[in-house]
Every structure is written in structure tokens, then in C-alpha cells.
Protein backbone atom coordinates (compact mmCIF):
# COMPACT_ATOMS: atom_id res chain seq x y z
CA UNK A 1 0.00 0.00 0.00
CA UNK A 2 1.14 3.55 -0.72
CA UNK A 3 0.38 6.50 1.58
CA UNK A 4 -3.18 7.66 1.00
CA UNK A 5 -3.63 5.26 -1.93
CA UNK A 6 -3.92 1.67 -3.03
CA UNK A 7 -2.09 -0.78 -5.24
CA UNK A 8 -3.00 -3.08 -8.11
CA UNK A 9 -1.26 -5.35 -10.56
CA UNK A 10 -2.64 -3.23 -13.40
CA UNK A 11 -4.03 0.30 -13.39
CA UNK A 12 -6.08 1.33 -16.41
CA UNK A 13 -6.42 5.07 -16.94
CA UNK A 14 -9.75 5.69 -18.65
CA UNK A 15 -13.12 4.02 -18.25
CA UNK A 16 -14.34 4.49 -21.78
CA UNK A 17 -15.01 1.69 -24.21
CA UNK A 18 -11.38 0.68 -24.71
CA UNK A 19 -10.47 0.86 -21.03
CA UNK A 20 -13.53 -1.19 -20.10
CA UNK A 21 -12.77 -3.70 -22.87
CA UNK A 22 -9.23 -4.03 -21.53
CA UNK A 23 -10.52 -4.69 -18.01
CA UNK A 24 -12.86 -7.35 -19.41
CA UNK A 25 -10.11 -9.00 -21.45
CA UNK A 26 -7.65 -9.02 -18.55
CA UNK A 27 -10.28 -10.65 -16.37
CA UNK A 28 -10.83 -13.29 -19.07
CA UNK A 29 -7.12 -14.05 -18.81
CA UNK A 30 -7.30 -14.37 -15.04
CA UNK A 31 -5.81 -10.96 -14.24
CA UNK A 32 -8.30 -9.46 -11.81
CA UNK A 33 -6.14 -7.32 -9.50
CA UNK A 34 -7.01 -4.44 -11.80
CA UNK A 35 -8.08 -0.89 -11.00
CA UNK A 36 -9.80 1.26 -13.63
CA UNK A 37 -9.60 5.00 -12.89
CA UNK A 38 -12.26 7.01 -14.73
CA UNK A 39 -12.36 10.77 -14.27
CA UNK A 40 -16.15 10.92 -14.74
CA UNK A 41 -18.36 7.86 -15.31
CA UNK A 42 -17.93 4.75 -17.44
CA UNK A 43 -18.47 5.62 -21.11
CA UNK A 44 -19.04 9.32 -20.44
CA UNK A 45 -16.44 10.62 -22.91
CA UNK A 46 -16.20 9.91 -26.60
CA UNK A 47 -17.80 6.48 -26.16
CA UNK A 48 -21.29 7.91 -25.87
CA UNK A 49 -20.89 9.87 -29.12
CA UNK A 50 -20.00 6.88 -31.31
CA UNK A 51 -22.21 6.36 -34.36
CA UNK A 52 -21.88 2.64 -33.68
CA UNK A 53 -21.45 1.31 -37.23
CA UNK A 54 -20.30 -2.32 -37.33
CA UNK A 55 -18.39 -3.34 -40.46
CA UNK A 56 -15.37 -5.42 -41.32
CA UNK A 57 -14.66 -3.54 -44.54
CA UNK A 58 -11.04 -2.53 -44.01
CA UNK A 59 -8.11 -2.67 -46.39
CA UNK A 60 -5.75 -3.02 -43.41
CA UNK A 61 -5.81 -6.76 -42.71
CA UNK A 62 -5.35 -6.50 -38.95
CA UNK A 63 -8.24 -4.06 -38.62
CA UNK A 64 -10.51 -6.30 -40.70
CA UNK A 65 -9.58 -9.23 -38.46
CA UNK A 66 -10.22 -7.18 -35.31
CA UNK A 67 -13.61 -6.03 -36.60
CA UNK A 68 -14.51 -9.62 -37.44
CA UNK A 69 -13.60 -10.70 -33.91
CA UNK A 70 -15.66 -7.81 -32.53
CA UNK A 71 -18.64 -8.88 -34.60
CA UNK A 72 -18.54 -12.33 -33.00
CA UNK A 73 -18.79 -10.74 -29.56
CA UNK A 74 -21.63 -8.39 -30.55
CA UNK A 75 -23.63 -11.20 -32.15
CA UNK A 76 -23.29 -13.36 -29.04
CA UNK A 77 -23.26 -10.62 -26.41
CA UNK A 78 -25.93 -12.28 -24.29
CA UNK A 79 -23.65 -15.28 -23.80
CA UNK A 80 -20.26 -13.53 -23.82
CA UNK A 81 -21.16 -10.42 -21.79
CA UNK A 82 -24.35 -11.54 -20.11
CA UNK A 83 -26.56 -8.91 -21.70
CA UNK A 84 -27.76 -7.38 -24.93
CA UNK A 85 -25.55 -4.47 -26.04
CA UNK A 86 -27.89 -3.06 -28.68
CA UNK A 87 -26.34 -4.69 -31.73
CA UNK A 88 -28.72 -4.73 -34.70
CA UNK A 89 -27.76 -6.77 -37.75
CA UNK A 90 -29.08 -4.86 -40.75
CA UNK A 91 -26.28 -5.64 -43.18
CA UNK A 92 -23.69 -3.22 -44.51
CA UNK A 93 -23.34 -2.03 -48.09
CA UNK A 94 -20.48 0.05 -49.47
CA UNK A 95 -20.52 1.69 -52.89
CA UNK A 96 -17.61 3.07 -54.92
CA UNK A 97 -17.08 4.96 -58.17
CA UNK A 98 -15.27 3.65 -61.29
CA UNK A 99 -11.83 4.72 -60.04
CA UNK A 100 -12.13 2.48 -56.98
CA UNK A 101 -13.58 -0.74 -58.39
CA UNK A 102 -10.23 -2.58 -58.43
CA UNK A 103 -9.46 -1.47 -54.88
CA UNK A 104 -12.90 -2.61 -53.70
CA UNK A 105 -12.51 -6.06 -55.24
CA UNK A 106 -9.00 -6.51 -53.88
CA UNK A 107 -10.13 -5.41 -50.43
CA UNK A 108 -13.12 -7.77 -50.45
CA UNK A 109 -10.90 -10.70 -51.47
CA UNK A 110 -8.45 -9.87 -48.68
CA UNK A 111 -11.28 -9.69 -46.16
CA UNK A 112 -12.65 -13.07 -47.25
CA UNK A 113 -9.19 -14.59 -46.79
CA UNK A 114 -9.43 -13.48 -43.15
CA UNK A 115 -12.84 -15.12 -42.68
CA UNK A 116 -15.01 -12.05 -43.19
CA UNK A 117 -18.33 -12.83 -44.82
CA UNK A 118 -18.39 -10.28 -47.61
CA UNK A 119 -19.04 -10.26 -51.35
CA UNK A 120 -19.68 -8.03 -54.33
CA UNK A 121 -23.33 -7.48 -55.24
CA UNK A 122 -24.90 -5.76 -58.22
CA UNK A 123 -26.89 -2.56 -58.56
CA UNK A 124 -30.25 -4.35 -58.67
CA UNK A 125 -29.58 -6.00 -55.32
CA UNK A 126 -28.65 -2.68 -53.72
CA UNK A 127 -31.77 -1.07 -55.21
CA UNK A 128 -33.83 -3.76 -53.53
CA UNK A 129 -32.12 -3.10 -50.19
CA UNK A 130 -32.32 0.72 -50.52
CA UNK A 131 -35.18 1.58 -52.95
CA UNK A 132 -35.00 5.29 -52.03
CA UNK A 133 -31.40 5.60 -53.28
CA UNK A 134 -30.09 6.93 -56.59
CA UNK A 135 -27.30 4.51 -57.54
CA UNK A 136 -26.36 5.85 -60.96
CA UNK A 137 -22.90 7.17 -60.05
CA UNK A 138 -21.72 3.96 -58.39
CA UNK A 139 -19.68 1.37 -60.28
CA UNK A 140 -19.49 -1.47 -57.74
CA UNK A 141 -20.79 -2.48 -54.33
CA UNK A 142 -19.62 -4.61 -51.42
CA UNK A 143 -22.02 -6.37 -49.07
CA UNK A 144 -21.63 -7.70 -45.53
CA UNK A 145 -24.85 -9.43 -44.47
CA UNK A 146 -23.71 -9.59 -40.82
CA UNK A 147 -22.89 -5.88 -40.55
CA UNK A 148 -25.06 -3.35 -38.78
CA UNK A 149 -24.82 -1.02 -35.81
CA UNK A 150 -24.70 -1.09 -32.05
CA UNK A 151 -24.54 0.99 -28.90
CA UNK A 152 -21.04 1.84 -27.72
CA UNK A 153 -22.22 3.14 -24.34
CA UNK A 154 -24.15 -0.04 -23.52
CA UNK A 155 -21.19 -2.10 -24.70
CA UNK A 156 -18.81 -0.23 -22.38
CA UNK A 157 -21.19 -0.75 -19.47
CA UNK A 158 -21.40 -4.47 -20.26
CA UNK A 159 -17.60 -4.85 -20.40
CA UNK A 160 -17.36 -3.02 -17.07
CA UNK A 161 -20.06 -5.16 -15.46
CA UNK A 162 -18.36 -8.43 -16.45
CA UNK A 163 -15.02 -7.12 -15.19
CA UNK A 164 -16.53 -6.06 -11.87
CA UNK A 165 -18.08 -9.48 -11.37
CA UNK A 166 -14.63 -11.00 -11.88
CA UNK A 167 -13.15 -8.76 -9.18
CA UNK A 168 -11.87 -5.75 -11.13
CA UNK A 169 -12.29 -2.44 -9.30
CA UNK A 170 -13.69 0.52 -11.23
CA UNK A 171 -13.40 3.90 -9.54
CA UNK A 172 -15.48 6.61 -11.17
CA UNK A 173 -14.95 10.29 -10.45
CA UNK A 174 -11.24 9.54 -10.14
CA UNK A 175 -9.07 11.64 -12.45
CA UNK A 176 -5.45 10.62 -12.97
CA UNK A 177 -3.03 13.53 -13.18
CA UNK A 178 0.30 11.76 -13.57
CA UNK A 179 1.84 8.44 -14.55
CA UNK A 180 4.57 7.69 -12.03
CA UNK A 181 7.92 6.43 -13.31
CA UNK A 182 11.03 5.32 -11.47
CA UNK A 183 14.19 4.13 -13.20
CA UNK A 184 12.56 4.02 -16.60
CA UNK A 185 9.65 1.89 -15.39
CA UNK A 186 6.02 2.81 -14.67
CA UNK A 187 5.28 2.35 -11.00
CA UNK A 188 1.73 3.65 -10.71
CA UNK A 189 -0.36 6.79 -11.02
CA UNK A 190 -1.11 9.93 -9.06
CA UNK A 191 -4.74 10.94 -8.63
CA UNK A 192 -6.18 14.44 -8.61
CA UNK A 193 -6.57 14.34 -4.84
CA UNK A 194 -2.85 13.67 -4.46
CA UNK A 195 -3.18 9.99 -3.58
CA UNK A 196 -1.03 7.49 -5.44
CA UNK A 197 -1.78 4.01 -6.71
CA UNK A 198 1.15 1.64 -7.09
CA UNK A 199 1.01 -0.71 -10.05
CA UNK A 200 3.08 -3.26 -11.89
CA UNK A 201 1.65 -2.10 -15.23
CA UNK A 202 -0.14 1.09 -16.28
CA UNK A 203 -2.43 1.16 -19.31
CA UNK A 204 -3.32 4.61 -20.63
CA UNK A 205 -6.60 4.37 -22.55
CA UNK A 206 -7.84 7.91 -22.08
CA UNK A 207 -8.64 8.89 -25.65
CA UNK A 208 -7.41 12.39 -26.54
CA UNK A 209 -6.55 13.03 -22.89
CA UNK A 210 -3.82 10.40 -23.20
CA UNK A 211 -1.54 12.91 -24.93
CA UNK A 212 -1.12 15.13 -21.87
CA UNK A 213 -0.49 12.15 -19.58
CA UNK A 214 2.31 10.80 -21.76
CA UNK A 215 4.01 14.07 -22.74
CA UNK A 216 5.76 14.65 -19.35
CA UNK A 217 7.38 11.24 -19.82
CA UNK A 218 8.91 12.31 -23.13
CA UNK A 219 6.43 10.22 -25.10
CA UNK A 220 5.03 11.95 -28.16
CA UNK A 221 1.62 10.48 -28.89
CA UNK A 222 0.70 11.99 -32.28
CA UNK A 223 -3.02 12.38 -31.70
CA UNK A 224 -5.08 15.39 -32.66
CA UNK A 225 -8.72 16.00 -31.87
CA UNK A 226 -11.22 16.35 -34.70
CA UNK A 227 -14.82 17.43 -34.11
CA UNK A 228 -17.46 15.73 -36.22
CA UNK A 229 -21.21 16.31 -36.19
CA UNK A 230 -24.01 13.79 -36.61
CA UNK A 231 -27.42 14.61 -38.09
CA UNK A 232 -30.57 12.69 -37.20
CA UNK A 233 -33.22 12.56 -39.90
CA UNK A 234 -36.90 11.75 -39.99
CA UNK A 235 -37.20 9.95 -43.36
CA UNK A 236 -40.86 10.90 -43.67
CA UNK A 237 -41.77 7.29 -44.47
CA UNK A 238 -41.34 3.80 -43.05
CA UNK A 239 -38.17 2.44 -44.64
CA UNK A 240 -38.19 -0.92 -42.93
CA UNK A 241 -34.91 -2.65 -42.06
CA UNK A 242 -32.52 -0.82 -44.37
CA UNK A 243 -28.82 -1.72 -44.16
CA UNK A 244 -26.03 0.64 -43.24
CA UNK A 245 -25.04 2.45 -46.46
CA UNK A 246 -21.45 3.65 -46.82
CA UNK A 247 -21.26 5.96 -49.83
CA UNK A 248 -17.66 6.40 -50.95
CA UNK A 249 -18.67 8.57 -53.90
CA UNK A 250 -20.34 11.46 -52.08
CA UNK A 251 -18.58 10.50 -48.81
CA UNK A 252 -21.37 9.90 -46.34
CA UNK A 253 -22.87 7.06 -44.36
CA UNK A 254 -26.45 6.45 -43.34
CA UNK A 255 -27.85 3.96 -40.88
CA UNK A 256 -31.15 3.31 -39.17
CA UNK A 257 -31.70 4.76 -35.72
CA UNK A 258 -34.32 4.05 -33.04
CA UNK A 259 -37.84 5.29 -33.62
CA UNK A 260 -37.60 4.97 -37.38
CA UNK A 261 -35.03 7.75 -37.74
CA UNK A 262 -31.85 7.77 -39.82
CA UNK A 263 -28.39 8.76 -38.67
CA UNK A 264 -26.18 10.68 -41.13
CA UNK A 265 -22.41 10.90 -40.81
CA UNK A 266 -19.84 12.62 -42.97
CA UNK A 267 -17.06 10.40 -44.37
CA UNK A 268 -14.91 13.21 -45.72
CA UNK A 269 -12.26 13.90 -43.10
CA UNK A 270 -9.74 15.42 -45.49
CA UNK A 271 -10.11 18.81 -43.78
CA UNK A 272 -10.25 18.17 -40.02
CA UNK A 273 -11.90 20.58 -37.61
CA UNK A 274 -9.59 20.88 -34.59
CA UNK A 275 -11.35 20.86 -31.24
CA UNK A 276 -10.85 20.86 -27.50
CA UNK A 277 -12.38 17.59 -26.23
CA UNK A 278 -13.49 19.35 -23.03
CA UNK A 279 -15.11 22.31 -24.78
CA UNK A 280 -16.62 21.90 -28.22
CA UNK A 281 -19.86 22.76 -29.98
CA UNK A 282 -22.26 19.86 -29.38
CA UNK A 283 -24.36 20.35 -32.50
CA UNK A 284 -24.04 20.67 -36.26
CA UNK A 285 -23.26 24.11 -37.65
CA UNK A 286 -25.43 25.65 -40.34
CA UNK A 287 -22.74 24.92 -42.93
CA UNK A 288 -22.56 21.28 -41.90
CA UNK A 289 -26.33 20.97 -42.03
CA UNK A 290 -26.39 22.44 -45.51
CA UNK A 291 -23.72 19.97 -46.62
CA UNK A 292 -25.54 17.03 -45.02
CA UNK A 293 -28.90 17.91 -46.55
CA UNK A 294 -27.27 18.26 -49.96
CA UNK A 295 -25.55 14.89 -49.74
CA UNK A 296 -28.68 13.11 -48.53
CA UNK A 297 -30.85 14.74 -51.20
CA UNK A 298 -28.39 13.66 -53.91
CA UNK A 299 -28.11 10.06 -52.75
CA UNK A 300 -31.67 9.45 -51.53
CA UNK A 301 -34.09 11.40 -53.74
CA UNK A 302 -36.80 8.95 -52.74
CA UNK A 303 -36.86 10.53 -49.27
CA UNK A 304 -38.74 13.56 -50.54
CA UNK A 305 -40.46 14.20 -47.21
CA UNK A 306 -37.37 13.80 -45.03
CA UNK A 307 -36.57 16.40 -42.38
CA UNK A 308 -33.88 17.07 -39.79
CA UNK A 309 -34.94 15.96 -36.32
CA UNK A 310 -31.77 16.72 -34.37
CA UNK A 311 -27.99 16.98 -34.31
CA UNK A 312 -25.09 16.43 -31.96
CA UNK A 313 -21.30 16.28 -32.20
CA UNK A 314 -18.42 14.24 -30.90
CA UNK A 315 -14.66 14.10 -31.26
CA UNK A 316 -12.32 11.68 -32.97
CA UNK A 317 -8.83 11.16 -31.54
CA UNK A 318 -6.94 10.95 -34.82
CA UNK A 319 -3.43 9.73 -35.62
CA UNK A 320 -1.46 10.63 -38.79
CA UNK A 321 -2.49 7.37 -40.50
CA UNK A 322 -6.02 7.30 -39.05
CA UNK A 323 -5.26 4.06 -37.22
CA UNK A 324 -4.88 3.43 -33.50
CA UNK A 325 -1.88 3.12 -31.25
CA UNK A 326 -2.09 -0.08 -29.18
CA UNK A 327 1.43 -0.43 -27.97
CA UNK A 328 4.10 -0.79 -25.37
CA UNK A 329 6.07 2.41 -24.90
CA UNK A 330 9.69 3.33 -24.17
CA UNK A 331 8.71 3.31 -20.49
CA UNK A 332 8.74 -0.27 -19.26
CA UNK A 333 5.38 -1.40 -17.90
CA UNK A 334 3.48 1.38 -19.69
CA UNK A 335 1.03 0.49 -22.46
CA UNK A 336 -1.06 2.94 -24.48
CA UNK A 337 -4.32 2.38 -26.37
CA UNK A 338 -5.47 5.60 -28.02
CA UNK A 339 -5.94 7.38 -31.33
CA UNK A 340 -8.80 5.19 -32.53
CA UNK A 341 -9.74 7.61 -35.30
CA UNK A 342 -13.37 6.48 -35.45
CA UNK A 343 -12.71 2.72 -35.53
CA UNK A 344 -12.88 2.09 -31.80
CA UNK A 345 -16.36 0.67 -31.29
CA UNK A 346 -16.34 -2.09 -33.87
CA UNK A 347 -12.88 -3.35 -32.88
CA UNK A 348 -13.18 -2.83 -29.11
CA UNK A 349 -13.35 -6.52 -28.05
CA UNK A 350 -10.18 -7.21 -30.05
CA UNK A 351 -8.54 -4.07 -28.65
CA UNK A 352 -9.12 -5.31 -25.12
CA UNK A 353 -7.64 -8.69 -25.99
CA UNK A 354 -4.57 -7.15 -27.66
CA UNK A 355 -3.88 -4.88 -24.69
CA UNK A 356 -4.30 -7.84 -22.33
CA UNK A 357 -1.84 -9.80 -24.47
CA UNK A 358 0.68 -6.94 -24.25
CA UNK A 359 0.28 -6.73 -20.49
CA UNK A 360 0.58 -10.48 -19.89
CA UNK A 361 2.85 -11.71 -22.70
CA UNK A 362 4.31 -8.64 -24.38
CA UNK A 363 2.98 -9.77 -27.75
CA UNK A 364 -0.27 -10.56 -29.56
CA UNK A 365 -1.80 -14.03 -29.32
CA UNK A 366 -3.65 -13.54 -32.64
CA UNK A 367 -1.51 -14.07 -35.76
CA UNK A 368 -3.97 -11.98 -37.79
CA UNK A 369 -3.45 -9.03 -35.42
CA UNK A 370 0.31 -8.52 -35.05
CA UNK A 371 1.15 -6.06 -32.32
CA UNK A 372 3.74 -4.49 -34.62
CA UNK A 373 0.97 -3.01 -36.80
CA UNK A 374 -0.12 -0.72 -33.97
CA UNK A 375 3.26 0.12 -32.46
CA UNK A 376 3.76 3.72 -31.39
CA UNK A 377 7.20 3.85 -33.01
CA UNK A 378 5.80 3.51 -36.55
CA UNK A 379 5.28 7.26 -36.80
CA UNK A 380 8.89 8.13 -35.99
CA UNK A 381 10.01 5.34 -38.32
CA UNK A 382 7.88 6.70 -41.16
CA UNK A 383 6.12 3.33 -41.59
CA UNK A 384 2.48 4.32 -41.37
CA UNK A 385 -0.27 1.72 -41.19
CA UNK A 386 -2.19 2.16 -44.44
CA UNK A 387 -4.34 0.05 -46.72
CA UNK A 388 -2.65 -1.68 -49.68
CA UNK A 389 -5.94 -1.06 -51.50
CA UNK A 390 -6.50 2.68 -51.01
CA UNK A 391 -9.69 4.33 -52.24
CA UNK A 392 -8.90 7.35 -54.38
CA UNK A 393 -10.58 10.47 -52.98
CA UNK A 394 -12.74 8.41 -50.66
CA UNK A 395 -11.68 9.67 -47.26
CA UNK A 396 -9.12 8.53 -44.73
CA UNK A 397 -10.97 5.96 -42.67
CA UNK A 398 -10.41 2.76 -44.68
């Protein structure tokens, strides 16, 4: 015991989705002397703003494999986590223009080699799935029948509940102000009230707030914060069970939302909007609304009576290659999981497992998810994690 504090084998800084998933995964591996320190409440940060799309359509093999592993957990959440986490399997369709047909087909083949259930479908099939859509400017489509959407907040709560039942401690309202280091090794954390918690391993999974915790240790975590708005639409008609539609021509995505609404998201992140994650505008601007309405009207002319029913905004923690850092650091016993760049929900079960592997074994147990892909040092090395099948002009998040 340390004066005015406690001790644990592992301290996790951050009780969002990834921190909760890590606690769950550690417990699954028998590591239960774990303390999660969350500055507010579980899932109260970026987790609650996730649009919740579930897809395995990634050109980066390790991300596709992680999303596929996540899908297995979401589909069987009642058995794996003991409760429903709001996953709805609607299917996922992605459409591309002529310049990206070869990349789409190569990406689909690579995904199938990893066990992802995905295929190319024709325009008539997409028209049947989305009769309100104008599909004329698409050249090819991919289809994942098991895709859909879920609830990141409920998922974080479920991970936390399973971890608690296994003996993990989760302390809410407990901000961490410092990672303690002695002789080049992490030894614990200091809390806002001055108390310290000794630990054999520290995991920093605090989203954009991770940057400030690591900087005093000489660790440059290249994460910037990007604000992105979401628009909720009343379609003006009963659409039934439409699939998630990822439009890589006009760069938007649409999915169903509770109460018969639709959720619109912008897929064009080529010009980021810097933000302070503690103080940002929690709604769409007039310019964003105008852009969203224009994109929706172009792609879905059949929704002639659609109207905007609400908006909100969240923040991405974005790395230079739009892929996460899940990595050991130059400080022994210090692991970081941050910079999820919008991918975090769908891969969260696999993120938890990878972090647990790093804590216990120092390497990944999944050959399809090599820990080297997500190493922090790749940025300094100039070896960014990018798709071998890039989509021309189709945004960063593939």
C-alpha cells in the first residue's frame, strides 16, 4: 500500500469503451487485480458519441480481423457479456465509383481470406435493399450481411459489469493527473486528490486526454482531436430494415436509428476541424447541415419528405495514419491504447484482448493481429499503417 492510496497489478487510466474492454479482457485471462480509474463515469467521454457502425470492410488486414472478432462478440453478447448491447444486424453495403472498383474487389478478397463474410453485389440487389437511393454514379458495391450497428455506451457498461463481477475495481470520479515512473519503469499513477496508486503495469486508454499524460514522460503520442457532427433525420416514411449504407462517392454514411429515424455521418475527413475535447460545440453548424442535406438529397431522392430531427457532435482522436496506437512504450510497464480515429467501437473486443496480451505476454496471441501493426514507433520510423488497396478520394478511414 502507498500513503493515501492503493495498489493493483494493473491500473487502467480511462473508463471508456477501450479501457472497459481491456478490463474485461484481462479478467478473461485471469488478471483481476485491476483498477480502472475514470475521471467521470464509465463511457461518459467519446464512447457515448460513437455512431456505432459495425463493419469489417477494411483494407488493413489487422483491422478487418479485429472487426470480425468484434462482430462475433456483438452477435453473441448475451452469452459472452451476459446482456444485450444493442447490436442490430441490418447488413452493410459500401458503394464506390469507377476509379475504386479494383481497390474494392481486392479489399473484399483480402477480407474473405481473413474469414469475413463479404461479397460483391450488383446494382439491382442494392436497389432492392435501398429503394430510395439513386445509384447511378456507383460502379461497384460490397455487401456484408452480418454488418449493422450497435450501442457503444451499452457495450462499455457491459464490459465493465463483467469485469466487476470478476473482481476488477472501477473507480469513477477519479481523475489521474500523472503516470509515475522510477528508473525508466512505470510504477503507478497519481490521482487528482494527491493519492497514489502503485502498479506493476499502467495502461493509458484515455482517448485524446492520453496525450497530456504521456508528454511529461517524453512520449510523443501523435493524436489530434477532430470534431465531427451527426445529423438525425426523420425519413418521412417507413423504410423498414434498411442496411447501413457507406457511400464512398459522395462521402457519407447512413444507418437506421431508433424510432424509425436515420443517422447521417460525414465520411470526408480530409479537412479536419480541430477541437478541445473538453469544450466543443455539441451540434451541427449551419454549414454542416447544408452539406448534409445536400448529400442526402443527392443520394436518396426517394426521401422527398425527409426532415432534420436533431444533431449532436463528438470528437475523434486521430493519428497521422487514421489508425490506432495499441502499444508498449519506451517506459517499461506502460502500455497505451489511443488514437482510434473512429474505428474504436467495432474493434473494441479485439482491442481489449490485444492490450491484455501486451500486459501479460508482451505480444499478440492472434496471428492476424500482429502487435507491430499498432506500435507507437511507426510514426517516428515513417512506416504508417495504411491500406494496400487505397480508395482514391474516398476519405481517410479505410
